[in-house]
Amino acid sequence: MKLKQFILLGPPGVGVEKQAIAVAERWCVPHVSTGQLIREAVDQASDIGVEARSYVEAGTLVPDTLVMKLIKRRFEQPDIMLKGWILTGFPRTLAQAQAFDEWWLTVSPAASTAIHLKA
């Protein structure tokens, strides 16, 4: 069985999160929201959350290295590895896209699919 591995992209207001939630529920795969991962890390005062808090409070992008640490931690969980995933809020930068691509290809033989939503 081929795992469903999708990155949903789109401009603000197009409904990326809403579509991701609907698709994830239909396919029974986890929806991974980078924004939610960051909020949870900050709320839980995890090591990454402590580092990210100042960026979140300033309303600036969390550095690529911290975002990649969060993504890697989440994607190493069994539900992701066994079921597949729908990812939103990522990548925000070219560096994130390149880092994810390089890392994911070492973890999974299948490349992910990016979908760009337009309204």
N, C-alpha and C. Protein backbone atom coordinates (compact mmCIF):
# COMPACT_ATOMS: atom_id res chain seq x y z
N MET A 1 0.84 -1.18 0.00
CA MET A 1 0.00 0.00 0.00
C MET A 1 0.89 1.25 0.00
N LYS A 2 0.59 2.16 -0.88
CA LYS A 2 1.35 3.39 -0.97
C LYS A 2 0.87 4.37 0.11
N LEU A 3 1.83 4.89 0.88
CA LEU A 3 1.48 5.86 1.91
C LEU A 3 1.08 7.19 1.28
N LYS A 4 0.11 7.83 1.88
CA LYS A 4 -0.30 9.15 1.44
C LYS A 4 0.56 10.18 2.16
N GLN A 5 1.34 10.93 1.39
CA GLN A 5 2.27 11.91 1.95
C GLN A 5 2.12 13.21 1.16
N PHE A 6 1.38 14.16 1.73
CA PHE A 6 1.08 15.38 1.00
C PHE A 6 1.42 16.63 1.80
N ILE A 7 1.97 17.61 1.10
CA ILE A 7 2.18 18.93 1.66
C ILE A 7 1.18 19.84 0.96
N LEU A 8 0.27 20.45 1.73
CA LEU A 8 -0.71 21.37 1.17
C LEU A 8 -0.22 22.79 1.33
N LEU A 9 -0.20 23.52 0.22
CA LEU A 9 0.26 24.90 0.19
C LEU A 9 -0.84 25.79 -0.36
N GLY A 10 -0.79 27.06 -0.03
CA GLY A 10 -1.73 28.02 -0.59
C GLY A 10 -1.65 29.35 0.12
N PRO A 11 -2.16 30.39 -0.53
CA PRO A 11 -2.13 31.71 0.08
C PRO A 11 -3.12 31.80 1.24
N PRO A 12 -2.94 32.80 2.11
CA PRO A 12 -3.88 32.99 3.22
C PRO A 12 -5.32 33.12 2.72
N GLY A 13 -6.21 32.49 3.44
CA GLY A 13 -7.63 32.59 3.12
C GLY A 13 -8.15 31.56 2.14
N VAL A 14 -7.29 30.72 1.61
CA VAL A 14 -7.73 29.74 0.62
C VAL A 14 -8.30 28.47 1.28
N GLY A 15 -8.06 28.31 2.57
CA GLY A 15 -8.63 27.18 3.30
C GLY A 15 -7.75 25.95 3.35
N VAL A 16 -6.45 26.14 3.36
CA VAL A 16 -5.52 25.01 3.38
C VAL A 16 -5.77 24.13 4.61
N GLU A 17 -5.87 24.74 5.78
CA GLU A 17 -6.08 23.96 7.01
C GLU A 17 -7.40 23.18 6.95
N LYS A 18 -8.44 23.84 6.51
CA LYS A 18 -9.75 23.19 6.44
C LYS A 18 -9.72 22.00 5.49
N GLN A 19 -9.10 22.17 4.35
CA GLN A 19 -8.98 21.07 3.39
C GLN A 19 -8.12 19.94 3.96
N ALA A 20 -7.04 20.31 4.62
CA ALA A 20 -6.15 19.30 5.19
C ALA A 20 -6.86 18.46 6.25
N ILE A 21 -7.63 19.12 7.08
CA ILE A 21 -8.37 18.39 8.12
C ILE A 21 -9.37 17.43 7.49
N ALA A 22 -10.09 17.90 6.48
CA ALA A 22 -11.08 17.05 5.81
C ALA A 22 -10.43 15.85 5.13
N VAL A 23 -9.34 16.08 4.42
CA VAL A 23 -8.65 14.99 3.72
C VAL A 23 -8.04 14.01 4.72
N ALA A 24 -7.43 14.53 5.77
CA ALA A 24 -6.82 13.66 6.79
C ALA A 24 -7.88 12.76 7.44
N GLU A 25 -9.04 13.33 7.72
CA GLU A 25 -10.12 12.52 8.30
C GLU A 25 -10.59 11.45 7.32
N ARG A 26 -10.75 11.84 6.07
CA ARG A 26 -11.24 10.89 5.07
C ARG A 26 -10.25 9.74 4.86
N TRP A 27 -8.97 10.04 4.81
CA TRP A 27 -7.95 9.03 4.57
C TRP A 27 -7.43 8.38 5.85
N CYS A 28 -7.87 8.86 7.00
CA CYS A 28 -7.42 8.33 8.30
C CYS A 28 -5.91 8.44 8.46
N VAL A 29 -5.37 9.61 8.11
CA VAL A 29 -3.95 9.90 8.29
C VAL A 29 -3.82 11.14 9.15
N PRO A 30 -2.71 11.31 9.83
CA PRO A 30 -2.52 12.49 10.67
C PRO A 30 -2.39 13.78 9.84
N HIS A 31 -3.02 14.83 10.35
CA HIS A 31 -2.80 16.17 9.81
C HIS A 31 -1.77 16.82 10.71
N VAL A 32 -0.67 17.24 10.13
CA VAL A 32 0.40 17.88 10.88
C VAL A 32 0.43 19.36 10.49
N SER A 33 0.14 20.20 11.45
CA SER A 33 0.18 21.65 11.26
C SER A 33 1.41 22.19 11.97
N THR A 34 2.29 22.81 11.20
CA THR A 34 3.51 23.35 11.80
C THR A 34 3.17 24.40 12.85
N GLY A 35 2.17 25.23 12.57
CA GLY A 35 1.75 26.23 13.55
C GLY A 35 1.31 25.59 14.85
N GLN A 36 0.56 24.50 14.75
CA GLN A 36 0.10 23.80 15.95
C GLN A 36 1.27 23.17 16.69
N LEU A 37 2.23 22.60 15.95
CA LEU A 37 3.41 22.03 16.60
C LEU A 37 4.17 23.09 17.40
N ILE A 38 4.30 24.28 16.80
CA ILE A 38 5.02 25.37 17.48
C ILE A 38 4.25 25.81 18.72
N ARG A 39 2.92 26.01 18.58
CA ARG A 39 2.12 26.43 19.73
C ARG A 39 2.20 25.42 20.87
N GLU A 40 2.11 24.13 20.55
CA GLU A 40 2.20 23.10 21.57
C GLU A 40 3.56 23.09 22.25
N ALA A 41 4.62 23.25 21.47
CA ALA A 41 5.97 23.28 22.04
C ALA A 41 6.13 24.46 23.00
N VAL A 42 5.60 25.62 22.60
CA VAL A 42 5.68 26.81 23.46
C VAL A 42 4.85 26.59 24.72
N ASP A 43 3.61 26.11 24.56
CA ASP A 43 2.73 25.89 25.71
C ASP A 43 3.31 24.87 26.69
N GLN A 44 3.98 23.85 26.17
CA GLN A 44 4.55 22.80 27.01
C GLN A 44 5.93 23.17 27.55
N ALA A 45 6.45 24.31 27.10
CA ALA A 45 7.79 24.77 27.49
C ALA A 45 8.85 23.70 27.24
N SER A 46 8.71 23.01 26.10
CA SER A 46 9.72 22.03 25.72
C SER A 46 11.01 22.77 25.36
N ASP A 47 12.08 22.03 25.16
CA ASP A 47 13.34 22.68 24.81
C ASP A 47 13.20 23.55 23.56
N ILE A 48 12.51 23.05 22.55
CA ILE A 48 12.29 23.84 21.33
C ILE A 48 11.32 24.98 21.60
N GLY A 49 10.31 24.72 22.39
CA GLY A 49 9.32 25.74 22.72
C GLY A 49 9.92 26.93 23.44
N VAL A 50 10.83 26.66 24.35
CA VAL A 50 11.52 27.75 25.07
C VAL A 50 12.30 28.61 24.08
N GLU A 51 12.98 27.97 23.15
CA GLU A 51 13.74 28.72 22.14
C GLU A 51 12.81 29.48 21.19
N ALA A 52 11.68 28.89 20.86
CA ALA A 52 10.77 29.49 19.88
C ALA A 52 9.91 30.62 20.46
N ARG A 53 9.71 30.63 21.77
CA ARG A 53 8.79 31.58 22.40
C ARG A 53 9.05 33.03 22.00
N SER A 54 10.27 33.48 22.01
CA SER A 54 10.57 34.88 21.70
C SER A 54 10.18 35.23 20.27
N TYR A 55 10.35 34.29 19.35
CA TYR A 55 9.97 34.54 17.96
C TYR A 55 8.45 34.62 17.82
N VAL A 56 7.77 33.71 18.49
CA VAL A 56 6.30 33.69 18.45
C VAL A 56 5.75 34.98 19.05
N GLU A 57 6.27 35.38 20.20
CA GLU A 57 5.80 36.60 20.85
C GLU A 57 6.09 37.85 20.02
N ALA A 58 7.19 37.83 19.25
CA ALA A 58 7.54 38.96 18.39
C ALA A 58 6.79 38.93 17.06
N GLY A 59 6.11 37.81 16.79
CA GLY A 59 5.37 37.69 15.54
C GLY A 59 6.26 37.46 14.33
N THR A 60 7.44 36.90 14.56
CA THR A 60 8.36 36.63 13.46
C THR A 60 8.44 35.12 13.22
N LEU A 61 8.99 34.74 12.08
CA LEU A 61 9.12 33.33 11.77
C LEU A 61 10.11 32.66 12.72
N VAL A 62 9.75 31.47 13.15
CA VAL A 62 10.65 30.67 13.97
C VAL A 62 11.78 30.20 13.05
N PRO A 63 13.03 30.24 13.51
CA PRO A 63 14.15 29.85 12.66
C PRO A 63 13.99 28.45 12.06
N ASP A 64 14.51 28.30 10.87
CA ASP A 64 14.39 27.04 10.13
C ASP A 64 14.89 25.85 10.93
N THR A 65 15.99 26.01 11.65
CA THR A 65 16.55 24.89 12.41
C THR A 65 15.58 24.39 13.48
N LEU A 66 14.89 25.32 14.15
CA LEU A 66 13.92 24.91 15.17
C LEU A 66 12.71 24.24 14.55
N VAL A 67 12.24 24.79 13.44
CA VAL A 67 11.08 24.20 12.76
C VAL A 67 11.42 22.79 12.30
N MET A 68 12.60 22.60 11.75
CA MET A 68 13.00 21.27 11.30
C MET A 68 13.10 20.29 12.47
N LYS A 69 13.56 20.75 13.63
CA LYS A 69 13.62 19.87 14.81
C LYS A 69 12.21 19.40 15.18
N LEU A 70 11.25 20.33 15.15
CA LEU A 70 9.86 19.97 15.45
C LEU A 70 9.30 18.98 14.44
N ILE A 71 9.53 19.27 13.18
CA ILE A 71 9.04 18.39 12.12
C ILE A 71 9.64 16.99 12.27
N LYS A 72 10.93 16.92 12.47
CA LYS A 72 11.59 15.61 12.61
C LYS A 72 11.02 14.84 13.80
N ARG A 73 10.85 15.50 14.92
CA ARG A 73 10.29 14.82 16.11
C ARG A 73 8.90 14.26 15.81
N ARG A 74 8.08 15.08 15.17
CA ARG A 74 6.71 14.63 14.88
C ARG A 74 6.69 13.51 13.85
N PHE A 75 7.52 13.66 12.82
CA PHE A 75 7.51 12.68 11.74
C PHE A 75 8.17 11.37 12.11
N GLU A 76 8.87 11.32 13.21
CA GLU A 76 9.45 10.07 13.67
C GLU A 76 8.47 9.25 14.51
N GLN A 77 7.28 9.78 14.73
CA GLN A 77 6.25 9.07 15.49
C GLN A 77 5.64 7.95 14.64
N PRO A 78 5.24 6.86 15.26
CA PRO A 78 4.73 5.71 14.51
C PRO A 78 3.53 6.01 13.60
N ASP A 79 2.61 6.88 14.03
CA ASP A 79 1.43 7.12 13.20
C ASP A 79 1.80 7.72 11.85
N ILE A 80 2.79 8.57 11.83
CA ILE A 80 3.28 9.17 10.58
C ILE A 80 3.96 8.12 9.73
N MET A 81 4.84 7.36 10.33
CA MET A 81 5.64 6.39 9.58
C MET A 81 4.78 5.25 9.03
N LEU A 82 3.70 4.91 9.72
CA LEU A 82 2.87 3.79 9.30
C LEU A 82 1.68 4.18 8.43
N LYS A 83 1.13 5.38 8.64
CA LYS A 83 -0.10 5.75 7.95
C LYS A 83 0.08 6.77 6.83
N GLY A 84 1.09 7.61 6.94
CA GLY A 84 1.22 8.72 6.00
C GLY A 84 0.85 10.02 6.71
N TRP A 85 0.66 11.11 5.94
CA TRP A 85 0.44 12.41 6.57
C TRP A 85 -0.02 13.47 5.58
N ILE A 86 -0.63 14.50 6.14
CA ILE A 86 -0.97 15.72 5.42
C ILE A 86 -0.30 16.85 6.21
N LEU A 87 0.56 17.61 5.59
CA LEU A 87 1.33 18.66 6.26
C LEU A 87 0.90 20.04 5.78
N THR A 88 0.69 20.95 6.73
CA THR A 88 0.35 22.34 6.39
C THR A 88 1.25 23.30 7.17
N GLY A 89 1.35 24.52 6.64
CA GLY A 89 2.15 25.55 7.30
C GLY A 89 3.64 25.36 7.11
N PHE A 90 3.99 24.55 6.15
CA PHE A 90 5.38 24.19 5.92
C PHE A 90 5.54 23.79 4.47
N PRO A 91 6.59 24.12 3.84
CA PRO A 91 7.70 24.96 4.27
C PRO A 91 7.36 26.44 4.12
N ARG A 92 7.97 27.24 4.96
CA ARG A 92 7.82 28.69 4.87
C ARG A 92 8.99 29.34 4.16
N THR A 93 10.08 28.60 4.05
CA THR A 93 11.28 29.14 3.39
C THR A 93 11.86 28.07 2.47
N LEU A 94 12.69 28.51 1.54
CA LEU A 94 13.38 27.57 0.65
C LEU A 94 14.29 26.66 1.46
N ALA A 95 14.93 27.20 2.47
CA ALA A 95 15.83 26.40 3.32
C ALA A 95 15.06 25.27 4.00
N GLN A 96 13.84 25.54 4.46
CA GLN A 96 13.02 24.50 5.08
C GLN A 96 12.68 23.42 4.06
N ALA A 97 12.31 23.83 2.87
CA ALA A 97 11.95 22.87 1.82
C ALA A 97 13.13 21.97 1.49
N GLN A 98 14.29 22.56 1.34
CA GLN A 98 15.49 21.79 1.01
C GLN A 98 15.88 20.85 2.16
N ALA A 99 15.83 21.35 3.38
CA ALA A 99 16.19 20.53 4.54
C ALA A 99 15.23 19.36 4.69
N PHE A 100 13.94 19.62 4.51
CA PHE A 100 12.95 18.54 4.62
C PHE A 100 13.19 17.50 3.53
N ASP A 101 13.37 17.94 2.31
CA ASP A 101 13.58 17.03 1.19
C ASP A 101 14.79 16.13 1.43
N GLU A 102 15.89 16.73 1.84
CA GLU A 102 17.10 15.96 2.10
C GLU A 102 16.88 14.96 3.23
N TRP A 103 16.24 15.41 4.31
CA TRP A 103 16.02 14.53 5.46
C TRP A 103 15.01 13.44 5.12
N TRP A 104 13.89 13.79 4.51
CA TRP A 104 12.81 12.83 4.26
C TRP A 104 13.27 11.71 3.34
N LEU A 105 14.09 12.03 2.37
CA LEU A 105 14.57 10.99 1.47
C LEU A 105 15.50 10.00 2.16
N THR A 106 16.05 10.36 3.32
CA THR A 106 16.84 9.40 4.10
C THR A 106 15.95 8.52 4.96
N VAL A 107 14.73 8.98 5.21
CA VAL A 107 13.79 8.27 6.08
C VAL A 107 12.82 7.41 5.29
N SER A 108 12.39 7.90 4.14
CA SER A 108 11.35 7.23 3.36
C SER A 108 11.80 7.09 1.91
N PRO A 109 11.52 5.94 1.31
CA PRO A 109 11.88 5.77 -0.10
C PRO A 109 10.97 6.57 -1.04
N ALA A 110 9.81 6.98 -0.56
CA ALA A 110 8.84 7.69 -1.40
C ALA A 110 8.92 9.19 -1.17
N ALA A 111 8.97 9.93 -2.24
CA ALA A 111 8.93 11.39 -2.14
C ALA A 111 7.50 11.83 -1.83
N SER A 112 7.37 12.95 -1.15
CA SER A 112 6.04 13.48 -0.85
C SER A 112 5.54 14.26 -2.05
N THR A 113 4.24 14.55 -2.05
CA THR A 113 3.60 15.31 -3.11
C THR A 113 3.16 16.65 -2.55
N ALA A 114 3.48 17.71 -3.25
CA ALA A 114 3.02 19.05 -2.85
C ALA A 114 1.81 19.42 -3.69
N ILE A 115 0.81 19.99 -3.02
CA ILE A 115 -0.41 20.43 -3.69
C ILE A 115 -0.60 21.91 -3.36
N HIS A 116 -0.76 22.72 -4.38
CA HIS A 116 -0.96 24.16 -4.19
C HIS A 116 -2.42 24.49 -4.46
N LEU A 117 -3.10 24.98 -3.43
CA LEU A 117 -4.51 25.35 -3.56
C LEU A 117 -4.63 26.80 -3.99
N LYS A 118 -5.57 27.07 -4.90
CA LYS A 118 -5.84 28.44 -5.33
C LYS A 118 -7.32 28.71 -5.15
N ALA A 119 -7.64 29.98 -4.93
CA ALA A 119 -9.06 30.35 -4.80
C ALA A 119 -9.40 31.37 -5.87
